Amino acid sequence: MPKKFFKTPLDLVQEWPEVFEDMYMNTMPVAYLKGLRLAFKDGRIWELDVQEQLTDSTNDAVAEKILDIFEEYKEEISKISFTIDVIKLKEDIKNQTKDIL
């Protein structure tokens, strides 16, 4: 099954347009997620504070919980939005780039 790609979130593009403006993604490590917002077909809204979850669990455990929620409610979810810790992502990319060069 091919992975679906999504346009980079606008807040990330605005923070660092020269890197993210024309980029499409298919994954995002949970370490960079601030939160998720799930909108359901019946009007319910769930907001998940990913950073809070990461204080008590590993990245893998939080990712597994999120995937379980997606799987369990996939027929009921109408939209998924997320916020990214742009500063952390930007710093990590710059640091890794320095290490490569």
PDB file of N, CA and C in Angstrom:
ATOM      1  N   MET A   1       0.846  -1.179   0.000  1.00  0.00           N
ATOM      2  CA  MET A   1       0.000   0.000   0.000  1.00  0.00           C
ATOM      3  C   MET A   1       0.889   1.239   0.000  1.00  0.00           C
ATOM      4  N   PRO A   2       0.734   2.138  -0.983  1.00  0.00           N
ATOM      5  CA  PRO A   2       1.570   3.342  -1.029  1.00  0.00           C
ATOM      6  C   PRO A   2       1.219   4.297   0.100  1.00  0.00           C
ATOM      7  N   LYS A   3       2.234   4.978   0.586  1.00  0.00           N
ATOM      8  CA  LYS A   3       2.024   5.968   1.642  1.00  0.00           C
ATOM      9  C   LYS A   3       1.445   7.228   1.034  1.00  0.00           C
ATOM     10  N   LYS A   4       0.598   7.901   1.798  1.00  0.00           N
ATOM     11  CA  LYS A   4       0.020   9.163   1.352  1.00  0.00           C
ATOM     12  C   LYS A   4       0.931  10.302   1.782  1.00  0.00           C
ATOM     13  N   PHE A   5       1.078  11.275   0.924  1.00  0.00           N
ATOM     14  CA  PHE A   5       1.885  12.448   1.220  1.00  0.00           C
ATOM     15  C   PHE A   5       0.978  13.613   1.558  1.00  0.00           C
ATOM     16  N   PHE A   6       1.450  14.488   2.426  1.00  0.00           N
ATOM     17  CA  PHE A   6       0.689  15.672   2.773  1.00  0.00           C
ATOM     18  C   PHE A   6       1.590  16.889   2.705  1.00  0.00           C
ATOM     19  N   LYS A   7       0.966  18.005   2.408  1.00  0.00           N
ATOM     20  CA  LYS A   7       1.688  19.277   2.314  1.00  0.00           C
ATOM     21  C   LYS A   7       2.198  19.671   3.689  1.00  0.00           C
ATOM     22  N   THR A   8       3.376  20.196   3.747  1.00  0.00           N
ATOM     23  CA  THR A   8       3.965  20.650   4.997  1.00  0.00           C
ATOM     24  C   THR A   8       3.066  21.703   5.646  1.00  0.00           C
ATOM     25  N   PRO A   9       2.828  21.618   6.956  1.00  0.00           N
ATOM     26  CA  PRO A   9       1.953  22.585   7.633  1.00  0.00           C
ATOM     27  C   PRO A   9       2.427  24.026   7.432  1.00  0.00           C
ATOM     28  N   LEU A  10       1.459  24.924   7.308  1.00  0.00           N
ATOM     29  CA  LEU A  10       1.737  26.330   7.010  1.00  0.00           C
ATOM     30  C   LEU A  10       2.659  26.981   8.037  1.00  0.00           C
ATOM     31  N   ASP A  11       2.487  26.660   9.332  1.00  0.00           N
ATOM     32  CA  ASP A  11       3.348  27.291  10.342  1.00  0.00           C
ATOM     33  C   ASP A  11       4.802  26.896  10.149  1.00  0.00           C
ATOM     34  N   LEU A  12       5.041  25.674   9.705  1.00  0.00           N
ATOM     35  CA  LEU A  12       6.403  25.214   9.439  1.00  0.00           C
ATOM     36  C   LEU A  12       6.963  25.908   8.198  1.00  0.00           C
ATOM     37  N   VAL A  13       6.164  26.034   7.172  1.00  0.00           N
ATOM     38  CA  VAL A  13       6.591  26.719   5.946  1.00  0.00           C
ATOM     39  C   VAL A  13       6.921  28.178   6.240  1.00  0.00           C
ATOM     40  N   GLN A  14       6.078  28.838   7.028  1.00  0.00           N
ATOM     41  CA  GLN A  14       6.319  30.244   7.344  1.00  0.00           C
ATOM     42  C   GLN A  14       7.587  30.435   8.167  1.00  0.00           C
ATOM     43  N   GLU A  15       7.888  29.475   9.030  1.00  0.00           N
ATOM     44  CA  GLU A  15       9.078  29.575   9.876  1.00  0.00           C
ATOM     45  C   GLU A  15      10.362  29.405   9.069  1.00  0.00           C
ATOM     46  N   TRP A  16      10.329  28.527   8.057  1.00  0.00           N
ATOM     47  CA  TRP A  16      11.542  28.215   7.307  1.00  0.00           C
ATOM     48  C   TRP A  16      11.185  27.914   5.853  1.00  0.00           C
ATOM     49  N   PRO A  17      10.715  28.912   5.115  1.00  0.00           N
ATOM     50  CA  PRO A  17      10.192  28.676   3.762  1.00  0.00           C
ATOM     51  C   PRO A  17      11.215  28.121   2.782  1.00  0.00           C
ATOM     52  N   GLU A  18      12.458  28.510   2.902  1.00  0.00           N
ATOM     53  CA  GLU A  18      13.460  28.037   1.944  1.00  0.00           C
ATOM     54  C   GLU A  18      13.679  26.527   2.016  1.00  0.00           C
ATOM     55  N   VAL A  19      13.308  25.913   3.120  1.00  0.00           N
ATOM     56  CA  VAL A  19      13.455  24.468   3.268  1.00  0.00           C
ATOM     57  C   VAL A  19      12.137  23.747   3.009  1.00  0.00           C
ATOM     58  N   PHE A  20      11.021  24.275   3.529  1.00  0.00           N
ATOM     59  CA  PHE A  20       9.772  23.521   3.560  1.00  0.00           C
ATOM     60  C   PHE A  20       8.695  23.963   2.570  1.00  0.00           C
ATOM     61  N   GLU A  21       8.916  25.039   1.824  1.00  0.00           N
ATOM     62  CA  GLU A  21       7.848  25.586   0.990  1.00  0.00           C
ATOM     63  C   GLU A  21       7.277  24.588  -0.010  1.00  0.00           C
ATOM     64  N   ASP A  22       8.105  23.857  -0.696  1.00  0.00           N
ATOM     65  CA  ASP A  22       7.633  22.933  -1.735  1.00  0.00           C
ATOM     66  C   ASP A  22       7.734  21.473  -1.314  1.00  0.00           C
ATOM     67  N   MET A  23       7.842  21.229  -0.034  1.00  0.00           N
ATOM     68  CA  MET A  23       8.041  19.875   0.457  1.00  0.00           C
ATOM     69  C   MET A  23       6.716  19.197   0.794  1.00  0.00           C
ATOM     70  N   TYR A  24       6.636  17.928   0.447  1.00  0.00           N
ATOM     71  CA  TYR A  24       5.535  17.069   0.878  1.00  0.00           C
ATOM     72  C   TYR A  24       6.129  16.006   1.788  1.00  0.00           C
ATOM     73  N   MET A  25       5.356  15.607   2.777  1.00  0.00           N
ATOM     74  CA  MET A  25       5.864  14.670   3.786  1.00  0.00           C
ATOM     75  C   MET A  25       4.937  13.465   3.863  1.00  0.00           C
ATOM     76  N   ASN A  26       5.482  12.369   4.393  1.00  0.00           N
ATOM     77  CA  ASN A  26       4.608  11.233   4.679  1.00  0.00           C
ATOM     78  C   ASN A  26       4.755  10.764   6.117  1.00  0.00           C
ATOM     79  N   THR A  27       5.695  11.338   6.852  1.00  0.00           N
ATOM     80  CA  THR A  27       5.861  11.002   8.264  1.00  0.00           C
ATOM     81  C   THR A  27       6.351  12.225   9.038  1.00  0.00           C
ATOM     82  N   MET A  28       6.136  12.192  10.349  1.00  0.00           N
ATOM     83  CA  MET A  28       6.666  13.225  11.232  1.00  0.00           C
ATOM     84  C   MET A  28       6.938  12.543  12.573  1.00  0.00           C
ATOM     85  N   PRO A  29       8.185  12.520  13.033  1.00  0.00           N
ATOM     86  CA  PRO A  29       8.468  11.914  14.335  1.00  0.00           C
ATOM     87  C   PRO A  29       7.667  12.597  15.450  1.00  0.00           C
ATOM     88  N   VAL A  30       7.139  11.807  16.372  1.00  0.00           N
ATOM     89  CA  VAL A  30       6.315  12.379  17.441  1.00  0.00           C
ATOM     90  C   VAL A  30       7.094  13.355  18.304  1.00  0.00           C
ATOM     91  N   ALA A  31       8.395  13.248  18.349  1.00  0.00           N
ATOM     92  CA  ALA A  31       9.205  14.167  19.158  1.00  0.00           C
ATOM     93  C   ALA A  31       9.009  15.616  18.721  1.00  0.00           C
ATOM     94  N   TYR A  32       8.605  15.839  17.470  1.00  0.00           N
ATOM     95  CA  TYR A  32       8.412  17.189  16.957  1.00  0.00           C
ATOM     96  C   TYR A  32       6.953  17.646  16.987  1.00  0.00           C
ATOM     97  N   LEU A  33       6.050  16.768  17.361  1.00  0.00           N
ATOM     98  CA  LEU A  33       4.637  17.146  17.438  1.00  0.00           C
ATOM     99  C   LEU A  33       4.334  17.815  18.760  1.00  0.00           C
ATOM    100  N   LYS A  34       3.662  18.942  18.703  1.00  0.00           N
ATOM    101  CA  LYS A  34       3.172  19.581  19.930  1.00  0.00           C
ATOM    102  C   LYS A  34       1.822  18.994  20.293  1.00  0.00           C
ATOM    103  N   GLY A  35       0.969  18.883  19.308  1.00  0.00           N
ATOM    104  CA  GLY A  35      -0.358  18.379  19.572  1.00  0.00           C
ATOM    105  C   GLY A  35      -1.075  17.939  18.324  1.00  0.00           C
ATOM    106  N   LEU A  36      -2.149  17.188  18.528  1.00  0.00           N
ATOM    107  CA  LEU A  36      -3.014  16.738  17.447  1.00  0.00           C
ATOM    108  C   LEU A  36      -4.431  17.180  17.745  1.00  0.00           C
ATOM    109  N   ARG A  37      -5.153  17.494  16.708  1.00  0.00           N
ATOM    110  CA  ARG A  37      -6.573  17.833  16.852  1.00  0.00           C
ATOM    111  C   ARG A  37      -7.349  16.946  15.893  1.00  0.00           C
ATOM    112  N   LEU A  38      -8.236  16.158  16.449  1.00  0.00           N
ATOM    113  CA  LEU A  38      -9.054  15.253  15.653  1.00  0.00           C
ATOM    114  C   LEU A  38     -10.477  15.788  15.615  1.00  0.00           C
ATOM    115  N   ALA A  39     -10.988  16.006  14.430  1.00  0.00           N
ATOM    116  CA  ALA A  39     -12.378  16.413  14.250  1.00  0.00           C
ATOM    117  C   ALA A  39     -13.143  15.186  13.770  1.00  0.00           C
ATOM    118  N   PHE A  40     -14.263  14.927  14.419  1.00  0.00           N
ATOM    119  CA  PHE A  40     -15.072  13.758  14.094  1.00  0.00           C
ATOM    120  C   PHE A  40     -16.285  14.173  13.271  1.00  0.00           C
ATOM    121  N   LYS A  41     -16.805  13.237  12.511  1.00  0.00           N
ATOM    122  CA  LYS A  41     -17.963  13.487  11.660  1.00  0.00           C
ATOM    123  C   LYS A  41     -19.177  13.947  12.455  1.00  0.00           C
ATOM    124  N   ASP A  42     -19.283  13.538  13.735  1.00  0.00           N
ATOM    125  CA  ASP A  42     -20.441  13.920  14.554  1.00  0.00           C
ATOM    126  C   ASP A  42     -20.245  15.263  15.271  1.00  0.00           C
ATOM    127  N   GLY A  43     -19.135  15.961  14.970  1.00  0.00           N
ATOM    128  CA  GLY A  43     -18.885  17.277  15.557  1.00  0.00           C
ATOM    129  C   GLY A  43     -17.964  17.278  16.767  1.00  0.00           C
ATOM    130  N   ARG A  44     -17.657  16.111  17.313  1.00  0.00           N
ATOM    131  CA  ARG A  44     -16.729  16.064  18.447  1.00  0.00           C
ATOM    132  C   ARG A  44     -15.344  16.519  18.001  1.00  0.00           C
ATOM    133  N   ILE A  45     -14.609  17.099  18.946  1.00  0.00           N
ATOM    134  CA  ILE A  45     -13.217  17.514  18.719  1.00  0.00           C
ATOM    135  C   ILE A  45     -12.386  16.942  19.873  1.00  0.00           C
ATOM    136  N   TRP A  46     -11.309  16.263  19.536  1.00  0.00           N
ATOM    137  CA  TRP A  46     -10.356  15.803  20.542  1.00  0.00           C
ATOM    138  C   TRP A  46      -9.052  16.535  20.290  1.00  0.00           C
ATOM    139  N   GLU A  47      -8.482  17.082  21.365  1.00  0.00           N
ATOM    140  CA  GLU A  47      -7.169  17.698  21.271  1.00  0.00           C
ATOM    141  C   GLU A  47      -6.210  16.900  22.142  1.00  0.00           C
ATOM    142  N   LEU A  48      -5.155  16.403  21.528  1.00  0.00           N
ATOM    143  CA  LEU A  48      -4.172  15.582  22.220  1.00  0.00           C
ATOM    144  C   LEU A  48      -2.879  16.362  22.385  1.00  0.00           C
ATOM    145  N   ASP A  49      -2.428  16.509  23.614  1.00  0.00           N
ATOM    146  CA  ASP A  49      -1.169  17.196  23.904  1.00  0.00           C
ATOM    147  C   ASP A  49      -0.047  16.165  23.830  1.00  0.00           C
ATOM    148  N   VAL A  50       0.595  16.097  22.698  1.00  0.00           N
ATOM    149  CA  VAL A  50       1.633  15.088  22.461  1.00  0.00           C
ATOM    150  C   VAL A  50       2.836  15.314  23.370  1.00  0.00           C
ATOM    151  N   GLN A  51       3.238  16.568  23.543  1.00  0.00           N
ATOM    152  CA  GLN A  51       4.398  16.850  24.392  1.00  0.00           C
ATOM    153  C   GLN A  51       4.161  16.394  25.832  1.00  0.00           C
ATOM    154  N   GLU A  52       2.948  16.550  26.319  1.00  0.00           N
ATOM    155  CA  GLU A  52       2.627  16.079  27.666  1.00  0.00           C
ATOM    156  C   GLU A  52       2.747  14.558  27.741  1.00  0.00           C
ATOM    157  N   GLN A  53       2.287  13.874  26.709  1.00  0.00           N
ATOM    158  CA  GLN A  53       2.386  12.412  26.665  1.00  0.00           C
ATOM    159  C   GLN A  53       3.852  11.959  26.649  1.00  0.00           C
ATOM    160  N   LEU A  54       4.697  12.732  25.979  1.00  0.00           N
ATOM    161  CA  LEU A  54       6.107  12.362  25.874  1.00  0.00           C
ATOM    162  C   LEU A  54       6.860  12.490  27.196  1.00  0.00           C
ATOM    163  N   THR A  55       6.318  13.250  28.154  1.00  0.00           N
ATOM    164  CA  THR A  55       6.995  13.367  29.446  1.00  0.00           C
ATOM    165  C   THR A  55       6.892  12.074  30.252  1.00  0.00           C
ATOM    166  N   ASP A  56       5.869  11.269  29.967  1.00  0.00           N
ATOM    167  CA  ASP A  56       5.644  10.032  30.722  1.00  0.00           C
ATOM    168  C   ASP A  56       5.912   8.762  29.926  1.00  0.00           C
ATOM    169  N   SER A  57       6.136   8.879  28.627  1.00  0.00           N
ATOM    170  CA  SER A  57       6.290   7.711  27.765  1.00  0.00           C
ATOM    171  C   SER A  57       7.397   7.937  26.749  1.00  0.00           C
ATOM    172  N   THR A  58       7.801   6.867  26.107  1.00  0.00           N
ATOM    173  CA  THR A  58       8.799   6.965  25.045  1.00  0.00           C
ATOM    174  C   THR A  58       8.143   7.431  23.749  1.00  0.00           C
ATOM    175  N   ASN A  59       8.963   7.885  22.819  1.00  0.00           N
ATOM    176  CA  ASN A  59       8.456   8.280  21.502  1.00  0.00           C
ATOM    177  C   ASN A  59       7.672   7.145  20.855  1.00  0.00           C
ATOM    178  N   ASP A  60       8.241   5.943  20.919  1.00  0.00           N
ATOM    179  CA  ASP A  60       7.587   4.790  20.292  1.00  0.00           C
ATOM    180  C   ASP A  60       6.241   4.484  20.931  1.00  0.00           C
ATOM    181  N   ALA A  61       6.156   4.585  22.256  1.00  0.00           N
ATOM    182  CA  ALA A  61       4.899   4.298  22.959  1.00  0.00           C
ATOM    183  C   ALA A  61       3.828   5.329  22.589  1.00  0.00           C
ATOM    184  N   VAL A  62       4.217   6.593  22.507  1.00  0.00           N
ATOM    185  CA  VAL A  62       3.260   7.648  22.137  1.00  0.00           C
ATOM    186  C   VAL A  62       2.826   7.468  20.684  1.00  0.00           C
ATOM    187  N   ALA A  63       3.766   7.175  19.808  1.00  0.00           N
ATOM    188  CA  ALA A  63       3.425   6.943  18.402  1.00  0.00           C
ATOM    189  C   ALA A  63       2.449   5.776  18.275  1.00  0.00           C
ATOM    190  N   GLU A  64       2.678   4.728  19.034  1.00  0.00           N
ATOM    191  CA  GLU A  64       1.789   3.564  19.004  1.00  0.00           C
ATOM    192  C   GLU A  64       0.385   3.930  19.478  1.00  0.00           C
ATOM    193  N   LYS A  65       0.287   4.734  20.542  1.00  0.00           N
ATOM    194  CA  LYS A  65      -1.025   5.185  21.029  1.00  0.00           C
ATOM    195  C   LYS A  65      -1.762   5.983  19.961  1.00  0.00           C
ATOM    196  N   ILE A  66      -1.040   6.877  19.304  1.00  0.00           N
ATOM    197  CA  ILE A  66      -1.655   7.707  18.259  1.00  0.00           C
ATOM    198  C   ILE A  66      -2.140   6.836  17.108  1.00  0.00           C
ATOM    199  N   LEU A  67      -1.314   5.904  16.673  1.00  0.00           N
ATOM    200  CA  LEU A  67      -1.713   5.008  15.589  1.00  0.00           C
ATOM    201  C   LEU A  67      -2.913   4.157  15.980  1.00  0.00           C
ATOM    202  N   ASP A  68      -2.960   3.721  17.241  1.00  0.00           N
ATOM    203  CA  ASP A  68      -4.108   2.951  17.728  1.00  0.00           C
ATOM    204  C   ASP A  68      -5.390   3.781  17.674  1.00  0.00           C
ATOM    205  N   ILE A  69      -5.291   5.053  18.066  1.00  0.00           N
ATOM    206  CA  ILE A  69      -6.460   5.946  17.996  1.00  0.00           C
ATOM    207  C   ILE A  69      -6.913   6.108  16.551  1.00  0.00           C
ATOM    208  N   PHE A  70      -5.965   6.344  15.644  1.00  0.00           N
ATOM    209  CA  PHE A  70      -6.307   6.495  14.233  1.00  0.00           C
ATOM    210  C   PHE A  70      -7.000   5.247  13.705  1.00  0.00           C
ATOM    211  N   GLU A  71      -6.466   4.099  14.053  1.00  0.00           N
ATOM    212  CA  GLU A  71      -7.041   2.834  13.575  1.00  0.00           C
ATOM    213  C   GLU A  71      -8.440   2.609  14.151  1.00  0.00           C
ATOM    214  N   GLU A  72      -8.594   2.847  15.440  1.00  0.00           N
ATOM    215  CA  GLU A  72      -9.879   2.606  16.104  1.00  0.00           C
ATOM    216  C   GLU A  72     -10.982   3.532  15.589  1.00  0.00           C
ATOM    217  N   TYR A  73     -10.634   4.789  15.315  1.00  0.00           N
ATOM    218  CA  TYR A  73     -11.637   5.788  14.952  1.00  0.00           C
ATOM    219  C   TYR A  73     -11.579   6.224  13.489  1.00  0.00           C
ATOM    220  N   LYS A  74     -10.882   5.488  12.661  1.00  0.00           N
ATOM    221  CA  LYS A  74     -10.658   5.933  11.278  1.00  0.00           C
ATOM    222  C   LYS A  74     -11.940   6.201  10.503  1.00  0.00           C
ATOM    223  N   GLU A  75     -12.988   5.482  10.783  1.00  0.00           N
ATOM    224  CA  GLU A  75     -14.250   5.690  10.082  1.00  0.00           C
ATOM    225  C   GLU A  75     -15.003   6.916  10.600  1.00  0.00           C
ATOM    226  N   GLU A  76     -14.665   7.383  11.795  1.00  0.00           N
ATOM    227  CA  GLU A  76     -15.378   8.483  12.423  1.00  0.00           C
ATOM    228  C   GLU A  76     -14.651   9.830  12.303  1.00  0.00           C
ATOM    229  N   ILE A  77     -13.335   9.797  12.046  1.00  0.00           N
ATOM    230  CA  ILE A  77     -12.532  11.023  11.968  1.00  0.00           C
ATOM    231  C   ILE A  77     -12.732  11.684  10.615  1.00  0.00           C
ATOM    232  N   SER A  78     -13.042  12.985  10.644  1.00  0.00           N
ATOM    233  CA  SER A  78     -13.208  13.716   9.389  1.00  0.00           C
ATOM    234  C   SER A  78     -11.975  14.550   9.037  1.00  0.00           C
ATOM    235  N   LYS A  79     -11.204  14.953  10.060  1.00  0.00           N
ATOM    236  CA  LYS A  79     -10.030  15.789   9.798  1.00  0.00           C
ATOM    237  C   LYS A  79      -9.015  15.628  10.932  1.00  0.00           C
ATOM    238  N   ILE A  80      -7.757  15.620  10.558  1.00  0.00           N
ATOM    239  CA  ILE A  80      -6.661  15.583  11.525  1.00  0.00           C
ATOM    240  C   ILE A  80      -5.785  16.799  11.285  1.00  0.00           C
ATOM    241  N   SER A  81      -5.567  17.578  12.342  1.00  0.00           N
ATOM    242  CA  SER A  81      -4.664  18.729  12.276  1.00  0.00           C
ATOM    243  C   SER A  81      -3.584  18.526  13.325  1.00  0.00           C
ATOM    244  N   PHE A  82      -2.438  19.091  13.095  1.00  0.00           N
ATOM    245  CA  PHE A  82      -1.380  18.964  14.090  1.00  0.00           C
ATOM    246  C   PHE A  82      -0.528  20.209  14.123  1.00  0.00           C
ATOM    247  N   THR A  83       0.101  20.409  15.277  1.00  0.00           N
ATOM    248  CA  THR A  83       1.048  21.504  15.421  1.00  0.00           C
ATOM    249  C   THR A  83       2.424  20.907  15.676  1.00  0.00           C
ATOM    250  N   ILE A  84       3.417  21.577  15.161  1.00  0.00           N
ATOM    251  CA  ILE A  84       4.792  21.083  15.221  1.00  0.00           C
ATOM    252  C   ILE A  84       5.641  22.040  16.028  1.00  0.00           C
ATOM    253  N   ASP A  85       6.600  21.485  16.773  1.00  0.00           N
ATOM    254  CA  ASP A  85       7.579  22.298  17.478  1.00  0.00           C
ATOM    255  C   ASP A  85       8.629  22.706  16.445  1.00  0.00           C
ATOM    256  N   VAL A  86       8.341  23.779  15.739  1.00  0.00           N
ATOM    257  CA  VAL A  86       9.173  24.229  14.627  1.00  0.00           C
ATOM    258  C   VAL A  86      10.579  24.578  15.091  1.00  0.00           C
ATOM    259  N   ILE A  87      10.695  25.196  16.235  1.00  0.00           N
ATOM    260  CA  ILE A  87      12.012  25.596  16.743  1.00  0.00           C
ATOM    261  C   ILE A  87      12.895  24.373  16.969  1.00  0.00           C
ATOM    262  N   LYS A  88      12.354  23.346  17.613  1.00  0.00           N
ATOM    263  CA  LYS A  88      13.117  22.115  17.860  1.00  0.00           C
ATOM    264  C   LYS A  88      13.504  21.439  16.542  1.00  0.00           C
ATOM    265  N   LEU A  89      12.564  21.352  15.620  1.00  0.00           N
ATOM    266  CA  LEU A  89      12.840  20.735  14.327  1.00  0.00           C
ATOM    267  C   LEU A  89      13.933  21.491  13.584  1.00  0.00           C
ATOM    268  N   LYS A  90      13.823  22.799  13.569  1.00  0.00           N
ATOM    269  CA  LYS A  90      14.801  23.635  12.876  1.00  0.00           C
ATOM    270  C   LYS A  90      16.197  23.476  13.490  1.00  0.00           C
ATOM    271  N   GLU A  91      16.271  23.492  14.816  1.00  0.00           N
ATOM    272  CA  GLU A  91      17.560  23.332  15.495  1.00  0.00           C
ATOM    273  C   GLU A  91      18.179  21.975  15.200  1.00  0.00           C
ATOM    274  N   ASP A  92      17.372  20.929  15.250  1.00  0.00           N
ATOM    275  CA  ASP A  92      17.891  19.585  14.992  1.00  0.00           C
ATOM    276  C   ASP A  92      18.388  19.435  13.561  1.00  0.00           C
ATOM    277  N   ILE A  93      17.652  20.005  12.607  1.00  0.00           N
ATOM    278  CA  ILE A  93      18.096  19.928  11.211  1.00  0.00           C
ATOM    279  C   ILE A  93      19.417  20.670  11.027  1.00  0.00           C
ATOM    280  N   LYS A  94      19.522  21.860  11.611  1.00  0.00           N
ATOM    281  CA  LYS A  94      20.770  22.612  11.499  1.00  0.00           C
ATOM    282  C   LYS A  94      21.931  21.875  12.144  1.00  0.00           C
ATOM    283  N   ASN A  95      21.701  21.297  13.313  1.00  0.00           N
ATOM    284  CA  ASN A  95      22.766  20.547  14.004  1.00  0.00           C
ATOM    285  C   ASN A  95      23.202  19.321  13.221  1.00  0.00           C
ATOM    286  N   GLN A  96      22.255  18.601  12.659  1.00  0.00           N
ATOM    287  CA  GLN A  96      22.607  17.399  11.890  1.00  0.00           C
ATOM    288  C   GLN A  96      23.310  17.788  10.601  1.00  0.00           C
ATOM    289  N   THR A  97      22.924  18.894  10.012  1.00  0.00           N
ATOM    290  CA  THR A  97      23.590  19.359   8.798  1.00  0.00           C
ATOM    291  C   THR A  97      25.043  19.722   9.089  1.00  0.00           C
ATOM    292  N   LYS A  98      25.296  20.380  10.223  1.00  0.00           N
ATOM    293  CA  LYS A  98      26.661  20.719  10.630  1.00  0.00           C
ATOM    294  C   LYS A  98      27.496  19.453  10.805  1.00  0.00           C
ATOM    295  N   ASP A  99      26.889  18.422  11.406  1.00  0.00           N
ATOM    296  CA  ASP A  99      27.609  17.164  11.635  1.00  0.00           C
ATOM    297  C   ASP A  99      27.984  16.476  10.315  1.00  0.00           C
ATOM    298  N   ILE A 100      27.116  16.591   9.323  1.00  0.00           N
ATOM    299  CA  ILE A 100      27.375  15.966   8.020  1.00  0.00           C
ATOM    300  C   ILE A 100      28.488  16.707   7.296  1.00  0.00           C
ATOM    301  N   LEU A 101      28.462  18.031   7.386  1.00  0.00           N
ATOM    302  CA  LEU A 101      29.453  18.834   6.669  1.00  0.00           C
ATOM    303  C   LEU A 101      30.729  18.855   7.451  1.00  0.00           C
TER     304      LEU A 101
END
